[in-house]
Structure formats: C-alpha cells, structure tokens
C-alpha atoms as a PDB file:
ATOM      1  CA  UNK A   1      44.927 159.281 -96.137  1.00  0.00           C
ATOM      2  CA  UNK A   2      45.969 155.801 -97.286  1.00  0.00           C
ATOM      3  CA  UNK A   3      49.703 155.104 -97.242  1.00  0.00           C
ATOM      4  CA  UNK A   4      51.632 155.702-100.441  1.00  0.00           C
ATOM      5  CA  UNK A   5      52.064 152.508-102.450  1.00  0.00           C
ATOM      6  CA  UNK A   6      55.470 150.889-102.190  1.00  0.00           C
ATOM      7  CA  UNK A   7      57.691 151.047-105.257  1.00  0.00           C
ATOM      8  CA  UNK A   8      60.369 148.587-106.266  1.00  0.00           C
ATOM      9  CA  UNK A   9      63.441 149.187-108.412  1.00  0.00           C
ATOM     10  CA  UNK A  10      65.870 146.735-109.922  1.00  0.00           C
ATOM     11  CA  UNK A  11      69.298 148.304-109.574  1.00  0.00           C
ATOM     12  CA  UNK A  12      72.126 146.993-111.737  1.00  0.00           C
ATOM     13  CA  UNK A  13      75.706 147.457-110.643  1.00  0.00           C
ATOM     14  CA  UNK A  14      76.494 149.245-113.914  1.00  0.00           C
ATOM     15  CA  UNK A  15      74.302 152.110-112.653  1.00  0.00           C
ATOM     16  CA  UNK A  16      71.062 151.277-114.444  1.00  0.00           C
ATOM     17  CA  UNK A  17      67.916 151.472-112.304  1.00  0.00           C
ATOM     18  CA  UNK A  18      64.567 150.124-113.552  1.00  0.00           C
ATOM     19  CA  UNK A  19      61.238 150.759-111.872  1.00  0.00           C
ATOM     20  CA  UNK A  20      59.631 147.316-111.621  1.00  0.00           C
ATOM     21  CA  UNK A  21      56.036 147.172-112.970  1.00  0.00           C
ATOM     22  CA  UNK A  22      54.695 145.332-109.910  1.00  0.00           C
ATOM     23  CA  UNK A  23      51.146 146.611-110.406  1.00  0.00           C
ATOM     24  CA  UNK A  24      51.120 145.170-113.944  1.00  0.00           C
ATOM     25  CA  UNK A  25      52.415 141.815-112.717  1.00  0.00           C
ATOM     26  CA  UNK A  26      49.607 141.586-110.158  1.00  0.00           C
ATOM     27  CA  UNK A  27      46.902 142.629-112.630  1.00  0.00           C
ATOM     28  CA  UNK A  28      45.143 140.781-115.444  1.00  0.00           C
ATOM     29  CA  UNK A  29      47.195 139.718-118.469  1.00  0.00           C
ATOM     30  CA  UNK A  30      47.881 142.649-120.762  1.00  0.00           C
ATOM     31  CA  UNK A  31      47.558 142.316-124.585  1.00  0.00           C
ATOM     32  CA  UNK A  32      51.219 141.335-124.995  1.00  0.00           C
ATOM     33  CA  UNK A  33      50.810 138.483-122.528  1.00  0.00           C
ATOM     34  CA  UNK A  34      47.571 137.330-124.151  1.00  0.00           C
ATOM     35  CA  UNK A  35      49.340 137.302-127.515  1.00  0.00           C
ATOM     36  CA  UNK A  36      52.166 135.166-126.151  1.00  0.00           C
ATOM     37  CA  UNK A  37      49.687 132.751-124.578  1.00  0.00           C
ATOM     38  CA  UNK A  38      47.916 132.487-127.948  1.00  0.00           C
ATOM     39  CA  UNK A  39      51.135 131.197-129.537  1.00  0.00           C
ATOM     40  CA  UNK A  40      51.121 128.196-127.209  1.00  0.00           C
ATOM     41  CA  UNK A  41      49.179 125.081-128.189  1.00  0.00           C
ATOM     42  CA  UNK A  42      50.519 122.441-125.825  1.00  0.00           C
ATOM     43  CA  UNK A  43      51.895 121.941-122.303  1.00  0.00           C
ATOM     44  CA  UNK A  44      53.699 125.114-121.266  1.00  0.00           C
ATOM     45  CA  UNK A  45      56.075 125.958-118.410  1.00  0.00           C
ATOM     46  CA  UNK A  46      56.229 129.581-117.230  1.00  0.00           C
ATOM     47  CA  UNK A  47      59.687 130.164-115.736  1.00  0.00           C
ATOM     48  CA  UNK A  48      59.923 132.921-113.143  1.00  0.00           C
ATOM     49  CA  UNK A  49      56.126 133.087-113.096  1.00  0.00           C
ATOM     50  CA  UNK A  50      55.844 135.796-110.438  1.00  0.00           C
ATOM     51  CA  UNK A  51      52.207 136.305-109.374  1.00  0.00           C
ATOM     52  CA  UNK A  52      51.044 134.061-112.211  1.00  0.00           C
ATOM     53  CA  UNK A  53      49.145 136.223-114.675  1.00  0.00           C
ATOM     54  CA  UNK A  54      50.732 134.444-117.655  1.00  0.00           C
ATOM     55  CA  UNK A  55      50.332 130.983-116.118  1.00  0.00           C
ATOM     56  CA  UNK A  56      46.646 131.723-115.604  1.00  0.00           C
ATOM     57  CA  UNK A  57      46.248 133.047-119.166  1.00  0.00           C
ATOM     58  CA  UNK A  58      47.675 129.754-120.433  1.00  0.00           C
ATOM     59  CA  UNK A  59      45.391 127.657-118.235  1.00  0.00           C
ATOM     60  CA  UNK A  60      42.366 129.676-119.343  1.00  0.00           C
ATOM     61  CA  UNK A  61      43.136 128.539-122.893  1.00  0.00           C
ATOM     62  CA  UNK A  62      42.775 124.942-121.746  1.00  0.00           C
ATOM     63  CA  UNK A  63      46.503 124.231-121.732  1.00  0.00           C
ATOM     64  CA  UNK A  64      48.465 122.247-119.190  1.00  0.00           C
ATOM     65  CA  UNK A  65      50.445 125.062-117.551  1.00  0.00           C
ATOM     66  CA  UNK A  66      52.989 125.087-114.745  1.00  0.00           C
ATOM     67  CA  UNK A  67      54.378 128.186-113.079  1.00  0.00           C
ATOM     68  CA  UNK A  68      57.848 127.975-111.550  1.00  0.00           C
ATOM     69  CA  UNK A  69      59.369 130.547-109.224  1.00  0.00           C
ATOM     70  CA  UNK A  70      62.010 130.608-106.525  1.00  0.00           C
ATOM     71  CA  UNK A  71      59.836 132.898-104.390  1.00  0.00           C
ATOM     72  CA  UNK A  72      57.392 131.245-101.984  1.00  0.00           C
ATOM     73  CA  UNK A  73      55.169 134.348-102.128  1.00  0.00           C
ATOM     74  CA  UNK A  74      55.067 134.265-105.931  1.00  0.00           C
ATOM     75  CA  UNK A  75      54.067 130.600-105.872  1.00  0.00           C
ATOM     76  CA  UNK A  76      51.372 131.315-103.281  1.00  0.00           C
ATOM     77  CA  UNK A  77      49.936 134.136-105.398  1.00  0.00           C
ATOM     78  CA  UNK A  78      49.997 132.011-108.550  1.00  0.00           C
ATOM     79  CA  UNK A  79      48.226 129.182-106.798  1.00  0.00           C
ATOM     80  CA  UNK A  80      45.731 131.761-105.529  1.00  0.00           C
ATOM     81  CA  UNK A  81      44.783 132.384-109.161  1.00  0.00           C
ATOM     82  CA  UNK A  82      43.703 128.756-109.354  1.00  0.00           C
ATOM     83  CA  UNK A  83      46.646 127.427-111.346  1.00  0.00           C
ATOM     84  CA  UNK A  84      49.522 125.077-110.618  1.00  0.00           C
ATOM     85  CA  UNK A  85      52.854 126.482-109.454  1.00  0.00           C
ATOM     86  CA  UNK A  86      56.009 125.000-108.008  1.00  0.00           C
ATOM     87  CA  UNK A  87      58.665 126.618-105.844  1.00  0.00           C
ATOM     88  CA  UNK A  88      61.891 125.657-107.542  1.00  0.00           C
ATOM     89  CA  UNK A  89      65.041 127.146-109.008  1.00  0.00           C
ATOM     90  CA  UNK A  90      64.937 126.860-112.809  1.00  0.00           C
ATOM     91  CA  UNK A  91      68.249 124.963-112.691  1.00  0.00           C
ATOM     92  CA  UNK A  92      66.853 122.363-110.281  1.00  0.00           C
ATOM     93  CA  UNK A  93      65.100 119.215-111.574  1.00  0.00           C
ATOM     94  CA  UNK A  94      61.640 120.089-112.926  1.00  0.00           C
ATOM     95  CA  UNK A  95      58.631 117.991-113.940  1.00  0.00           C
ATOM     96  CA  UNK A  96      58.324 116.957-117.579  1.00  0.00           C
ATOM     97  CA  UNK A  97      61.901 117.699-118.623  1.00  0.00           C
ATOM     98  CA  UNK A  98      62.286 117.187-122.361  1.00  0.00           C
ATOM     99  CA  UNK A  99      58.512 117.058-122.924  1.00  0.00           C
ATOM    100  CA  UNK A 100      57.241 120.649-122.696  1.00  0.00           C
ATOM    101  CA  UNK A 101      55.820 122.089-125.910  1.00  0.00           C
ATOM    102  CA  UNK A 102      56.652 125.624-124.827  1.00  0.00           C
ATOM    103  CA  UNK A 103      58.696 127.429-122.188  1.00  0.00           C
ATOM    104  CA  UNK A 104      58.448 131.131-121.371  1.00  0.00           C
ATOM    105  CA  UNK A 105      60.899 133.715-120.026  1.00  0.00           C
ATOM    106  CA  UNK A 106      59.116 137.080-119.821  1.00  0.00           C
ATOM    107  CA  UNK A 107      59.286 140.231-117.672  1.00  0.00           C
ATOM    108  CA  UNK A 108      63.087 140.278-117.776  1.00  0.00           C
ATOM    109  CA  UNK A 109      63.504 136.663-116.718  1.00  0.00           C
ATOM    110  CA  UNK A 110      66.141 136.039-119.374  1.00  0.00           C
ATOM    111  CA  UNK A 111      68.369 137.655-116.746  1.00  0.00           C
ATOM    112  CA  UNK A 112      67.921 134.790-114.255  1.00  0.00           C
ATOM    113  CA  UNK A 113      71.266 133.460-113.068  1.00  0.00           C
ATOM    114  CA  UNK A 114      73.325 136.124-114.811  1.00  0.00           C
ATOM    115  CA  UNK A 115      74.371 133.822-117.662  1.00  0.00           C
ATOM    116  CA  UNK A 116      71.899 133.902-120.595  1.00  0.00           C
ATOM    117  CA  UNK A 117      73.634 131.124-122.550  1.00  0.00           C
ATOM    118  CA  UNK A 118      73.463 128.754-119.581  1.00  0.00           C
ATOM    119  CA  UNK A 119      69.825 129.714-118.968  1.00  0.00           C
ATOM    120  CA  UNK A 120      68.783 129.241-122.600  1.00  0.00           C
ATOM    121  CA  UNK A 121      70.576 125.906-122.716  1.00  0.00           C
ATOM    122  CA  UNK A 122      68.670 124.857-119.605  1.00  0.00           C
ATOM    123  CA  UNK A 123      65.382 125.947-121.179  1.00  0.00           C
ATOM    124  CA  UNK A 124      66.169 123.957-124.320  1.00  0.00           C
ATOM    125  CA  UNK A 125      66.593 120.853-122.168  1.00  0.00           C
ATOM    126  CA  UNK A 126      63.047 121.309-120.869  1.00  0.00           C
ATOM    127  CA  UNK A 127      61.523 121.341-124.362  1.00  0.00           C
ATOM    128  CA  UNK A 128      60.352 118.547-126.616  1.00  0.00           C
ATOM    129  CA  UNK A 129      62.263 118.229-129.894  1.00  0.00           C
ATOM    130  CA  UNK A 130      59.808 120.540-131.690  1.00  0.00           C
ATOM    131  CA  UNK A 131      59.194 122.812-128.694  1.00  0.00           C
ATOM    132  CA  UNK A 132      59.542 126.589-128.642  1.00  0.00           C
ATOM    133  CA  UNK A 133      60.944 129.058-126.146  1.00  0.00           C
ATOM    134  CA  UNK A 134      59.323 132.502-125.922  1.00  0.00           C
ATOM    135  CA  UNK A 135      61.592 135.154-124.412  1.00  0.00           C
ATOM    136  CA  UNK A 136      61.306 138.863-123.690  1.00  0.00           C
ATOM    137  CA  UNK A 137      64.429 140.883-124.477  1.00  0.00           C
ATOM    138  CA  UNK A 138      65.632 144.477-124.381  1.00  0.00           C
ATOM    139  CA  UNK A 139      65.108 146.720-127.438  1.00  0.00           C
ATOM    140  CA  UNK A 140      67.704 146.631-130.228  1.00  0.00           C
ATOM    141  CA  UNK A 141      70.896 148.419-129.301  1.00  0.00           C
ATOM    142  CA  UNK A 142      70.904 147.243-125.689  1.00  0.00           C
ATOM    143  CA  UNK A 143      73.617 144.655-126.303  1.00  0.00           C
ATOM    144  CA  UNK A 144      74.553 142.124-123.632  1.00  0.00           C
ATOM    145  CA  UNK A 145      75.249 142.939-119.994  1.00  0.00           C
ATOM    146  CA  UNK A 146      76.075 140.485-117.200  1.00  0.00           C
ATOM    147  CA  UNK A 147      76.689 141.464-113.608  1.00  0.00           C
ATOM    148  CA  UNK A 148      75.041 141.865-110.228  1.00  0.00           C
ATOM    149  CA  UNK A 149      71.725 143.490-109.263  1.00  0.00           C
ATOM    150  CA  UNK A 150      69.555 144.076-106.221  1.00  0.00           C
ATOM    151  CA  UNK A 151      66.036 145.294-105.472  1.00  0.00           C
ATOM    152  CA  UNK A 152      65.264 148.551-103.666  1.00  0.00           C
ATOM    153  CA  UNK A 153      61.804 148.772-102.097  1.00  0.00           C
ATOM    154  CA  UNK A 154      59.999 151.567-100.324  1.00  0.00           C
ATOM    155  CA  UNK A 155      57.161 154.086-100.310  1.00  0.00           C
ATOM    156  CA  UNK A 156      57.516 157.803-100.813  1.00  0.00           C
ATOM    157  CA  UNK A 157      58.655 159.371 -97.534  1.00  0.00           C
ATOM    158  CA  UNK A 158      59.659 156.040 -95.998  1.00  0.00           C
ATOM    159  CA  UNK A 159      63.035 154.446 -95.683  1.00  0.00           C
ATOM    160  CA  UNK A 160      64.164 152.428 -98.681  1.00  0.00           C
ATOM    161  CA  UNK A 161      65.074 148.791 -98.115  1.00  0.00           C
ATOM    162  CA  UNK A 162      67.783 147.064-100.136  1.00  0.00           C
ATOM    163  CA  UNK A 163      67.526 143.361-100.889  1.00  0.00           C
ATOM    164  CA  UNK A 164      70.421 140.941-101.354  1.00  0.00           C
ATOM    165  CA  UNK A 165      72.618 141.101-104.425  1.00  0.00           C
ATOM    166  CA  UNK A 166      72.187 138.416-107.091  1.00  0.00           C
ATOM    167  CA  UNK A 167      73.608 137.662-110.553  1.00  0.00           C
ATOM    168  CA  UNK A 168      71.575 139.142-113.397  1.00  0.00           C
ATOM    169  CA  UNK A 169      71.787 139.860-117.115  1.00  0.00           C
ATOM    170  CA  UNK A 170      70.244 141.918-119.900  1.00  0.00           C
ATOM    171  CA  UNK A 171      69.990 140.742-123.517  1.00  0.00           C
ATOM    172  CA  UNK A 172      69.116 143.064-126.368  1.00  0.00           C
ATOM    173  CA  UNK A 173      67.189 141.975-129.444  1.00  0.00           C
ATOM    174  CA  UNK A 174      70.289 142.812-131.475  1.00  0.00           C
ATOM    175  CA  UNK A 175      72.478 140.191-129.755  1.00  0.00           C
ATOM    176  CA  UNK A 176      69.865 137.509-129.104  1.00  0.00           C
ATOM    177  CA  UNK A 177      70.678 135.471-132.224  1.00  0.00           C
ATOM    178  CA  UNK A 178      74.293 134.980-131.182  1.00  0.00           C
ATOM    179  CA  UNK A 179      73.374 134.286-127.576  1.00  0.00           C
ATOM    180  CA  UNK A 180      70.756 131.747-128.642  1.00  0.00           C
ATOM    181  CA  UNK A 181      73.153 130.057-131.088  1.00  0.00           C
ATOM    182  CA  UNK A 182      75.668 129.525-128.290  1.00  0.00           C
ATOM    183  CA  UNK A 183      72.890 127.614-126.472  1.00  0.00           C
ATOM    184  CA  UNK A 184      71.960 125.500-129.512  1.00  0.00           C
ATOM    185  CA  UNK A 185      68.903 127.587-130.422  1.00  0.00           C
ATOM    186  CA  UNK A 186      67.924 129.924-133.243  1.00  0.00           C
ATOM    187  CA  UNK A 187      65.504 132.812-133.576  1.00  0.00           C
ATOM    188  CA  UNK A 188      62.433 131.611-135.482  1.00  0.00           C
ATOM    189  CA  UNK A 189      60.332 134.756-135.054  1.00  0.00           C
ATOM    190  CA  UNK A 190      60.489 138.244-133.564  1.00  0.00           C
ATOM    191  CA  UNK A 191      57.558 140.020-131.945  1.00  0.00           C
ATOM    192  CA  UNK A 192      57.001 143.571-130.800  1.00  0.00           C
ATOM    193  CA  UNK A 193      54.212 144.956-128.643  1.00  0.00           C
ATOM    194  CA  UNK A 194      54.645 148.700-128.162  1.00  0.00           C
ATOM    195  CA  UNK A 195      58.025 149.207-126.504  1.00  0.00           C
ATOM    196  CA  UNK A 196      58.380 145.529-125.560  1.00  0.00           C
ATOM    197  CA  UNK A 197      60.365 143.040-127.653  1.00  0.00           C
ATOM    198  CA  UNK A 198      59.986 139.265-127.729  1.00  0.00           C
ATOM    199  CA  UNK A 199      61.359 136.367-129.732  1.00  0.00           C
ATOM    200  CA  UNK A 200      60.479 132.747-130.387  1.00  0.00           C
ATOM    201  CA  UNK A 201      63.435 130.364-130.236  1.00  0.00           C
ATOM    202  CA  UNK A 202      63.653 126.794-131.542  1.00  0.00           C
ATOM    203  CA  UNK A 203      66.420 124.220-131.690  1.00  0.00           C
ATOM    204  CA  UNK A 204      69.006 124.698-134.441  1.00  0.00           C
END
C-alpha cells in the first residue's frame, strides 16, 4: 500500500490548531482564487506565494506577476509553474516598490510577522497611489490575535515533527477596518466565497 499522505497543522500558542490545506495550495486555482485574480488589471505582487497557484493564475491573465516567498522550496515550485518568483522576506527590499497596481495576502498570509498593522503598512508602501491590496481574513467574530505559532507535520502512524516557532497573527473581518486604518488603509470592498472572507484595501 502507498504511504499515508503527510498532514500539516499550524498550531497557535493560544491552543488553536488548523489543518493546513496543502493539497489545495499545490492544485489548480480554486474559484475564490480565480475571482481574486480577475480583480487585478495591472502588475501584481503575490506575497507569501507558496507553490504559486495564484501567481500563475495572474500570469495566465496576461498580467505582470511576481511571487514572493521566504521558502526556497515554495519559490522553486512557483518557478516550476512557469512564472516568476523571488525568495525574499516581505520586509526586505522588493522590486517595483511604490509601483505595483495590486498586492495580495491570501491563505492566512496576513499573519506574516505577527504584526498585521506593520505588515499592511509595508504592503501599502509597495503599491502605486491608486493600487489595491487584496487580503484574506478570518470570519467575523474572530477578532485580532497576535502571538507565536509552529507547524506540525507527519503522516498517520508516523512520528510528528515540530518546526520552529515564529510570530503569527489572525485578523477577523470584524476588526479589519480598524487594523487597516492604523496602517493608513481603508476597506473598499468585502468579498465572501463560501466560508472564506476577503477584503480589498486602498489608501485612505
């Protein structure tokens, strides 16, 4: 029999444990991702691009698209989809700062760095004056949480491996407006696809 597929969980130090949808990330873009890509009409930077399904969806629409991820494996996989990706921390210097039409933080990436205001402010600096930031958030009622998290990985029956701890955050749709305002942004639109919640942010 083939080995059981490995599973990965994001464990937050407040006790929350989320099964990471790794299979979805490695698959073709789902309808929610296609809908986000359709809202972009100019050069777009995909922050925390993972295996690159969104970056590829953007490129397939004829857009200039750049995937950015701190993981060398994620960048390799994105490049394997035939699109451009760069291994870089989002807070490091990036190409085209202040000129991107759109920036994207999906699949929980609003948690990067553990400080959503700092992250959103950084994203705003990447955008042109009329640019937009598309973010995925938690459902209403989730509030704001900032702390530490780590990834657990393993297959059924095997030992589970724990990765290093890193700062992370969760932002609910109900607190996004205040969080965005603290970063000089405002919510221009809200989107929902099934159980997933997104918002479009612009400068105030």
